[in-house]
C-alpha cells in the first residue's frame, strides 16, 4: 500500500506526535508499505526509507517551534507521481487541509487523526472565546474523512459528542526496547538533581508551554522542599517558568534523546504530569516503560493509561492539594513505590509500536477496500 501522510509537524522537531509518526512510518516501511511524508520543511528528505517532501513555512508567533506550511499547487504533481492508495492527514490545520483537498479532488480515500486538543489550548493563550468556532472548523475538516482516529477513549467520546463522525481508536504505543528500568543510574540522578543524587527526584518531560501547566508543579516543591525537579524539554514558556521557579531546586535540562532520555525516566522517583489537555500522553507510557511511577491529573487520555494506586497515582486537577498529596504518598512509601514501578512496566509492555501499526494498517485496508467496492458498484 502507498500512503501519503500530511502532518503539521515532523522531524527534526521532537514531541509526542512526531514520536508516534516516526515509529509508524518505520513500521509501515518495514512491512512493505511505502510512505510519502508532506510536512513543514525541516531539511530532511528521507526517513527510514520514506520520502519526505518539505513545504516551506513560517513560524507561529506564539509558538516558533511550529511552522505554518501553506499547501502549494505543486503538491498535486508530487501526489500524482507517487500514486497513493490513501491519504492520512494528521491534526489537519493548514497543510493538512491541502491533504483533504487533494484527497477529494483526486478521489483518494482519506483518513484523519486527532492528536492535539487544540480547543483546550486556546484558553491558555487568552483565546478561549474562539473555542466554539474552532470546534466547528475541526468538525468541518474531520467530517471529510472516511475515518477519524483518536489515541484515547476519552477523545473518541469527546469528538463524537462534538459532532465529528466515523471516529475510532488508534491504540497507544511505546518503545519498550528503548525505555527500560535497568537504565537507572546514580550518575543520571546526579546530573538531573545538579549533584544531589540522594534527594527525592521529580521529573517532567515534554513540551515547555503554557498548556502543559508545568507551573502547577511549583506548589509540590514548596510542600516538599527537599525534592529536586528536572524539567526535560524546551518550548516557548521556558523563560517564564525559569522566573517562576526561581528559588526552588529546579533544573531546566533541555532536550534529551535516546538512551539519555530513557535513563532520565528510569532514574527519577516520580514523573509529574499536571496537564489536563492530553489526548494520550505518550511520555506517560515512556515513563512507565522505564519503571518510573507516575503522578498525573485525572483528565483526558491519561485515565486510559494510569490506574490509580496500581501503576501510578491520579489526582483531581481541580483540587489544589491533589498533586501534593499524591506525590507525598508516593515518596513516603518505598515498598509501594517499587510495586508501582513493576506494575507500570507491565502495563507498558502491553503496548508496542508494532501492534499499534498493525491496527492502523487494518484500518487503511478496510477503507481502501470499501472505496474499491463502492466504485465497482
Protein backbone atom coordinates (compact mmCIF):
# COMPACT_ATOMS: atom_id res chain seq x y z
CA UNK A 1 0.00 0.00 0.00
CA UNK A 2 1.16 3.54 -0.74
CA UNK A 3 0.32 6.13 1.91
CA UNK A 4 0.66 9.91 1.61
CA UNK A 5 0.97 11.37 5.13
CA UNK A 6 0.23 15.06 5.66
CA UNK A 7 1.37 16.38 9.04
CA UNK A 8 1.78 19.84 10.53
CA UNK A 9 4.87 18.68 12.46
CA UNK A 10 7.68 16.19 11.87
CA UNK A 11 11.39 15.72 12.43
CA UNK A 12 13.66 17.37 13.43
CA UNK A 13 11.01 18.65 15.92
CA UNK A 14 10.62 16.44 18.98
CA UNK A 15 7.24 15.85 20.61
CA UNK A 16 4.72 13.07 21.21
CA UNK A 17 3.10 13.40 17.79
CA UNK A 18 6.44 13.18 15.99
CA UNK A 19 7.41 10.17 18.10
CA UNK A 20 4.22 8.35 17.10
CA UNK A 21 4.65 9.28 13.45
CA UNK A 22 8.28 8.24 13.14
CA UNK A 23 7.58 4.83 14.72
CA UNK A 24 4.53 4.44 12.47
CA UNK A 25 6.48 5.34 9.33
CA UNK A 26 9.29 2.96 10.31
CA UNK A 27 6.93 0.02 10.89
CA UNK A 28 4.90 0.70 7.74
CA UNK A 29 8.05 0.79 5.62
CA UNK A 30 9.42 -2.33 7.34
CA UNK A 31 6.29 -4.28 6.41
CA UNK A 32 6.34 -3.37 2.74
CA UNK A 33 4.17 -0.26 2.61
CA UNK A 34 5.52 2.90 1.02
CA UNK A 35 5.11 6.28 2.73
CA UNK A 36 5.50 9.83 1.43
CA UNK A 37 5.50 12.47 4.18
CA UNK A 38 4.35 16.04 3.47
CA UNK A 39 5.44 18.31 6.34
CA UNK A 40 6.93 21.74 7.12
CA UNK A 41 10.44 21.80 5.68
CA UNK A 42 12.99 20.79 8.33
CA UNK A 43 15.82 19.93 5.96
CA UNK A 44 15.17 16.17 5.88
CA UNK A 45 14.46 14.35 2.61
CA UNK A 46 14.17 10.75 3.83
CA UNK A 47 13.39 8.81 6.99
CA UNK A 48 13.67 5.00 7.30
CA UNK A 49 13.14 4.64 3.54
CA UNK A 50 10.14 7.01 3.40
CA UNK A 51 10.48 10.08 1.21
CA UNK A 52 9.89 13.47 2.84
CA UNK A 53 8.53 16.39 0.86
CA UNK A 54 9.23 19.52 2.88
CA UNK A 55 6.95 22.53 2.39
CA UNK A 56 8.32 25.94 3.32
CA UNK A 57 6.51 27.62 6.19
CA UNK A 58 6.53 30.49 8.66
CA UNK A 59 6.95 30.10 12.44
CA UNK A 60 3.89 30.62 14.61
CA UNK A 61 4.22 33.91 16.53
CA UNK A 62 3.25 32.34 19.91
CA UNK A 63 4.95 29.04 19.18
CA UNK A 64 8.02 29.47 16.92
CA UNK A 65 8.88 25.75 17.11
CA UNK A 66 5.84 25.12 14.92
CA UNK A 67 5.66 26.29 11.32
CA UNK A 68 2.63 27.06 9.21
CA UNK A 69 3.29 25.37 5.87
CA UNK A 70 0.94 26.59 3.14
CA UNK A 71 -0.13 23.97 0.57
CA UNK A 72 1.01 24.76 -2.97
CA UNK A 73 -0.32 23.62 -6.38
CA UNK A 74 2.96 21.73 -6.92
CA UNK A 75 1.86 19.22 -4.26
CA UNK A 76 -0.64 17.81 -6.73
CA UNK A 77 2.12 16.82 -9.18
CA UNK A 78 4.09 15.16 -6.37
CA UNK A 79 0.99 13.21 -5.32
CA UNK A 80 0.17 12.15 -8.88
CA UNK A 81 3.70 10.79 -9.33
CA UNK A 82 3.51 8.89 -6.03
CA UNK A 83 0.02 7.46 -6.79
CA UNK A 84 -1.11 6.94 -3.17
CA UNK A 85 -3.75 4.37 -2.28
CA UNK A 86 -4.70 6.51 0.70
CA UNK A 87 -4.08 9.94 2.23
CA UNK A 88 -3.72 10.28 6.02
CA UNK A 89 -3.89 13.81 7.45
CA UNK A 90 -2.56 14.28 10.99
CA UNK A 91 -4.09 17.13 13.02
CA UNK A 92 -5.32 18.91 9.88
CA UNK A 93 -4.86 22.65 10.31
CA UNK A 94 -3.13 24.26 7.31
CA UNK A 95 -1.02 21.77 5.37
CA UNK A 96 -3.49 19.05 6.32
CA UNK A 97 -6.32 20.99 4.68
CA UNK A 98 -4.33 20.65 1.46
CA UNK A 99 -4.26 16.89 2.02
CA UNK A 100 -8.04 16.87 2.45
CA UNK A 101 -8.48 18.94 -0.73
CA UNK A 102 -6.32 16.64 -2.85
CA UNK A 103 -7.97 13.52 -1.43
CA UNK A 104 -11.32 14.90 -2.57
CA UNK A 105 -10.25 16.22 -5.97
CA UNK A 106 -8.19 13.12 -6.84
CA UNK A 107 -10.75 10.69 -5.35
CA UNK A 108 -8.29 9.14 -2.91
CA UNK A 109 -9.54 7.52 0.34
CA UNK A 110 -8.95 9.79 3.34
CA UNK A 111 -8.10 9.06 6.98
CA UNK A 112 -7.66 11.83 9.58
CA UNK A 113 -6.26 11.58 13.10
CA UNK A 114 -6.63 13.86 16.12
CA UNK A 115 -3.65 14.18 18.46
CA UNK A 116 -3.64 17.69 19.94
CA UNK A 117 -6.58 19.00 21.96
CA UNK A 118 -6.39 22.43 20.35
CA UNK A 119 -9.72 23.80 21.66
CA UNK A 120 -8.49 23.40 25.25
CA UNK A 121 -5.17 25.02 24.35
CA UNK A 122 -6.91 28.28 23.41
CA UNK A 123 -7.72 29.25 26.99
CA UNK A 124 -4.03 29.08 27.90
CA UNK A 125 -3.24 31.70 25.25
CA UNK A 126 -6.09 34.09 26.05
CA UNK A 127 -8.22 32.91 23.11
CA UNK A 128 -10.89 30.91 24.94
CA UNK A 129 -13.70 32.82 23.22
CA UNK A 130 -12.73 31.13 19.93
CA UNK A 131 -13.24 27.58 21.22
CA UNK A 132 -16.71 27.16 19.70
CA UNK A 133 -15.52 28.41 16.30
CA UNK A 134 -12.52 26.08 16.38
CA UNK A 135 -14.74 23.06 17.09
CA UNK A 136 -16.88 23.95 14.06
CA UNK A 137 -13.77 24.20 11.86
CA UNK A 138 -12.44 20.88 13.19
CA UNK A 139 -15.80 19.25 12.55
CA UNK A 140 -15.87 20.60 9.00
CA UNK A 141 -12.37 19.24 8.29
CA UNK A 142 -12.63 15.87 10.03
CA UNK A 143 -16.05 15.01 8.61
CA UNK A 144 -14.49 14.94 5.13
CA UNK A 145 -12.60 11.78 6.15
CA UNK A 146 -13.75 8.18 5.71
CA UNK A 147 -12.33 7.51 9.19
CA UNK A 148 -11.21 9.68 12.11
CA UNK A 149 -8.76 8.20 14.61
CA UNK A 150 -8.11 9.24 18.22
CA UNK A 151 -5.45 7.93 20.58
CA UNK A 152 -7.64 7.53 23.69
CA UNK A 153 -11.20 6.53 24.52
CA UNK A 154 -11.73 9.91 26.20
CA UNK A 155 -11.03 11.68 22.90
CA UNK A 156 -13.25 9.25 20.97
CA UNK A 157 -16.11 10.28 23.26
CA UNK A 158 -15.21 13.97 23.06
CA UNK A 159 -15.06 14.12 19.26
CA UNK A 160 -18.22 12.04 18.83
CA UNK A 161 -20.02 14.35 21.26
CA UNK A 162 -18.87 17.35 19.24
CA UNK A 163 -20.46 16.03 16.05
CA UNK A 164 -17.40 14.51 14.40
CA UNK A 165 -18.37 11.32 12.58
CA UNK A 166 -16.80 7.90 11.93
CA UNK A 167 -14.50 8.05 14.95
CA UNK A 168 -12.45 5.09 16.18
CA UNK A 169 -9.50 4.36 18.46
CA UNK A 170 -5.87 4.16 17.29
CA UNK A 171 -4.27 2.27 20.15
CA UNK A 172 -1.35 3.65 22.11
CA UNK A 173 2.21 2.52 21.54
CA UNK A 174 5.58 2.80 23.28
CA UNK A 175 9.15 1.69 22.58
CA UNK A 176 9.60 -0.92 25.29
CA UNK A 177 13.05 -1.81 23.94
CA UNK A 178 14.37 1.73 24.41
CA UNK A 179 12.68 2.57 27.72
CA UNK A 180 13.63 0.04 30.39
CA UNK A 181 14.03 0.14 34.20
CA UNK A 182 17.60 -1.21 34.19
CA UNK A 183 18.82 2.08 32.68
CA UNK A 184 18.51 3.81 36.06
CA UNK A 185 21.83 5.28 37.15
CA UNK A 186 23.21 7.30 40.03
CA UNK A 187 25.19 9.37 37.55
CA UNK A 188 21.97 10.43 35.77
CA UNK A 189 20.29 11.19 39.12
CA UNK A 190 23.22 13.43 40.00
CA UNK A 191 23.01 15.18 36.62
CA UNK A 192 19.27 15.79 36.88
CA UNK A 193 19.44 16.96 40.51
CA UNK A 194 22.58 19.06 39.98
CA UNK A 195 24.73 16.98 42.30
CA UNK A 196 22.16 15.76 44.85
CA UNK A 197 21.51 12.12 43.90
CA UNK A 198 20.23 11.16 47.37
CA UNK A 199 17.43 13.76 47.36
CA UNK A 200 13.93 12.92 46.06
CA UNK A 201 13.97 13.45 42.30
CA UNK A 202 10.84 14.56 40.43
CA UNK A 203 10.79 14.62 36.64
CA UNK A 204 8.80 16.38 33.93
CA UNK A 205 9.41 15.54 30.27
CA UNK A 206 7.64 17.24 27.39
CA UNK A 207 6.87 20.50 25.68
CA UNK A 208 7.60 23.52 27.86
CA UNK A 209 4.49 25.51 27.03
CA UNK A 210 1.57 27.15 28.80
CA UNK A 211 -0.99 24.43 28.07
CA UNK A 212 1.15 21.80 29.85
CA UNK A 213 0.51 23.65 33.15
CA UNK A 214 4.02 22.98 34.46
CA UNK A 215 3.56 25.91 36.86
CA UNK A 216 1.31 23.60 38.91
CA UNK A 217 4.39 21.61 39.96
CA UNK A 218 5.76 24.55 41.97
CA UNK A 219 3.42 24.02 44.97
CA UNK A 220 4.70 20.43 45.17
CA UNK A 221 8.27 21.69 45.53
CA UNK A 222 7.17 24.20 48.16
CA UNK A 223 5.44 21.43 50.11
CA UNK A 224 8.41 19.03 49.74
CA UNK A 225 11.42 21.41 49.98
CA UNK A 226 13.98 18.57 49.93
CA UNK A 227 12.79 17.46 46.48
CA UNK A 228 14.53 18.38 43.22
CA UNK A 229 12.71 18.84 39.92
CA UNK A 230 14.24 18.19 36.48
CA UNK A 231 12.38 19.68 33.51
CA UNK A 232 13.41 17.89 30.31
CA UNK A 233 12.36 19.53 27.05
CA UNK A 234 12.01 23.03 25.68
CA UNK A 235 9.41 25.41 24.38
CA UNK A 236 8.06 28.96 24.34
CA UNK A 237 7.25 29.06 28.08
CA UNK A 238 10.75 28.23 29.28
CA UNK A 239 11.91 31.71 30.31
CA UNK A 240 8.64 32.48 32.10
CA UNK A 241 8.91 29.21 34.02
CA UNK A 242 12.54 29.82 34.93
CA UNK A 243 11.45 33.07 36.55
CA UNK A 244 8.52 31.36 38.28
CA UNK A 245 10.64 28.50 39.67
CA UNK A 246 13.49 30.79 40.80
CA UNK A 247 14.40 29.92 44.39
CA UNK A 248 13.29 26.29 44.05
CA UNK A 249 15.50 23.27 43.36
CA UNK A 250 14.56 23.11 39.68
CA UNK A 251 16.91 22.25 36.83
CA UNK A 252 15.94 23.07 33.22
CA UNK A 253 17.77 20.30 31.41
CA UNK A 254 16.74 20.96 27.80
CA UNK A 255 16.18 18.18 25.31
CA UNK A 256 17.35 14.61 25.95
CA UNK A 257 17.00 11.82 23.41
CA UNK A 258 17.57 8.09 23.06
CA UNK A 259 19.30 6.28 25.90
CA UNK A 260 19.86 9.52 27.82
CA UNK A 261 16.13 10.17 27.92
CA UNK A 262 15.41 6.56 28.84
CA UNK A 263 17.94 6.77 31.67
CA UNK A 264 16.36 10.01 32.94
CA UNK A 265 12.95 8.31 33.19
CA UNK A 266 14.39 5.23 34.89
CA UNK A 267 16.44 7.27 37.38
CA UNK A 268 13.67 9.50 38.73
CA UNK A 269 11.50 8.79 41.78
CA UNK A 270 8.34 10.15 40.20
CA UNK A 271 7.16 11.52 36.87
CA UNK A 272 4.90 14.55 37.50
CA UNK A 273 2.39 15.38 34.77
CA UNK A 274 -0.15 18.12 35.66
CA UNK A 275 -1.52 18.74 32.13
CA UNK A 276 -5.27 18.36 31.63
CA UNK A 277 -5.14 18.84 27.82
CA UNK A 278 -3.70 15.44 26.87
CA UNK A 279 -5.29 13.35 24.12
CA UNK A 280 -2.99 10.49 25.17
CA UNK A 281 0.20 11.49 27.00
CA UNK A 282 2.85 9.40 25.24
CA UNK A 283 5.51 10.48 27.75
CA UNK A 284 3.47 8.77 30.47
CA UNK A 285 3.84 5.46 28.66
CA UNK A 286 7.57 6.09 28.20
CA UNK A 287 7.94 6.81 31.91
CA UNK A 288 6.01 3.66 32.79
CA UNK A 289 8.06 1.53 30.39
CA UNK A 290 11.16 2.79 32.21
CA UNK A 291 9.59 1.83 35.54
CA UNK A 292 9.08 5.40 36.71
CA UNK A 293 5.96 5.87 38.89
CA UNK A 294 3.55 8.50 37.57
CA UNK A 295 1.65 11.26 39.36
CA UNK A 296 -0.80 12.69 36.84
CA UNK A 297 -4.01 14.70 36.51
CA UNK A 298 -7.08 12.51 36.06
CA UNK A 299 -8.02 14.10 32.75
CA UNK A 300 -8.34 13.26 29.05
CA UNK A 301 -6.44 10.27 27.75
CA UNK A 302 -4.37 9.90 30.92
CA UNK A 303 -7.04 7.76 32.59
CA UNK A 304 -6.66 5.20 29.78
CA UNK A 305 -3.07 4.62 30.91
CA UNK A 306 -2.78 5.22 34.66
CA UNK A 307 -4.77 3.15 37.16
CA UNK A 308 -4.75 4.98 40.49
CA UNK A 309 -2.82 3.11 43.17
CA UNK A 310 -1.85 0.30 40.78
CA UNK A 311 0.71 1.70 38.31
CA UNK A 312 0.73 5.33 39.44
CA UNK A 313 -1.35 7.98 41.20
CA UNK A 314 -4.07 10.17 39.74
CA UNK A 315 -5.26 13.44 41.28
CA UNK A 316 -8.23 15.70 40.72
CA UNK A 317 -6.92 18.60 38.59
CA UNK A 318 -9.37 20.94 40.32
CA UNK A 319 -8.01 20.09 43.79
CA UNK A 320 -5.09 22.44 44.59
CA UNK A 321 -3.77 19.93 47.14
CA UNK A 322 -4.29 16.84 44.98
CA UNK A 323 -0.87 16.68 43.32
CA UNK A 324 0.89 17.46 46.60
CA UNK A 325 -0.90 14.64 48.45
CA UNK A 326 -0.27 12.13 45.66
CA UNK A 327 3.44 12.99 45.41
CA UNK A 328 3.94 12.85 49.19
CA UNK A 329 2.21 9.48 49.29
CA UNK A 330 4.45 8.14 46.55
CA UNK A 331 7.70 9.36 48.08
CA UNK A 332 6.77 8.17 51.59
CA UNK A 333 6.02 4.54 50.68
CA UNK A 334 9.24 2.99 49.40
CA UNK A 335 7.89 -0.58 49.20
CA UNK A 336 4.72 0.58 47.47
CA UNK A 337 6.78 2.64 45.04
CA UNK A 338 8.71 -0.46 43.98
CA UNK A 339 5.45 -2.31 43.26
CA UNK A 340 4.20 0.68 41.27
CA UNK A 341 7.40 0.57 39.21
CA UNK A 342 6.84 -3.09 38.37
CA UNK A 343 3.17 -2.59 37.54
CA UNK A 344 3.96 0.43 35.36
CA UNK A 345 6.43 -1.62 33.34
CA UNK A 346 3.93 -4.47 32.95
CA UNK A 347 1.28 -2.06 31.65
CA UNK A 348 3.69 -0.54 29.12
CA UNK A 349 4.72 -3.99 27.84
CA UNK A 350 1.18 -4.47 26.54
CA UNK A 351 1.58 -1.62 24.05
CA UNK A 352 4.31 -1.97 21.45
CA UNK A 353 4.50 0.10 18.26
CA UNK A 354 4.25 -2.99 16.05
CA UNK A 355 0.75 -3.80 17.34
CA UNK A 356 -0.38 -0.16 17.04
CA UNK A 357 0.82 -0.05 13.42
CA UNK A 358 -0.82 -3.36 12.54
CA UNK A 359 -4.09 -1.93 13.79
CA UNK A 360 -3.57 1.17 11.63
CA UNK A 361 -2.83 -0.99 8.57
CA UNK A 362 -6.09 -2.88 9.15
CA UNK A 363 -7.95 0.44 9.19
CA UNK A 364 -6.18 1.52 5.98
CA UNK A 365 -7.05 -1.73 4.15
CA UNK A 366 -10.68 -1.59 5.23
CA UNK A 367 -11.04 1.99 3.92
CA UNK A 368 -9.28 1.25 0.60
CA UNK A 369 -11.28 -1.97 0.05
CA UNK A 370 -14.54 -0.20 0.87
CA UNK A 371 -13.73 2.55 -1.62
CA UNK A 372 -12.88 -0.02 -4.31
CA UNK A 373 -16.16 -1.87 -3.76
CA UNK A 374 -18.22 1.32 -3.93
CA UNK A 375 -16.50 2.34 -7.18
CA UNK A 376 -17.08 -1.11 -8.67
CA UNK A 377 -20.77 -0.88 -7.81
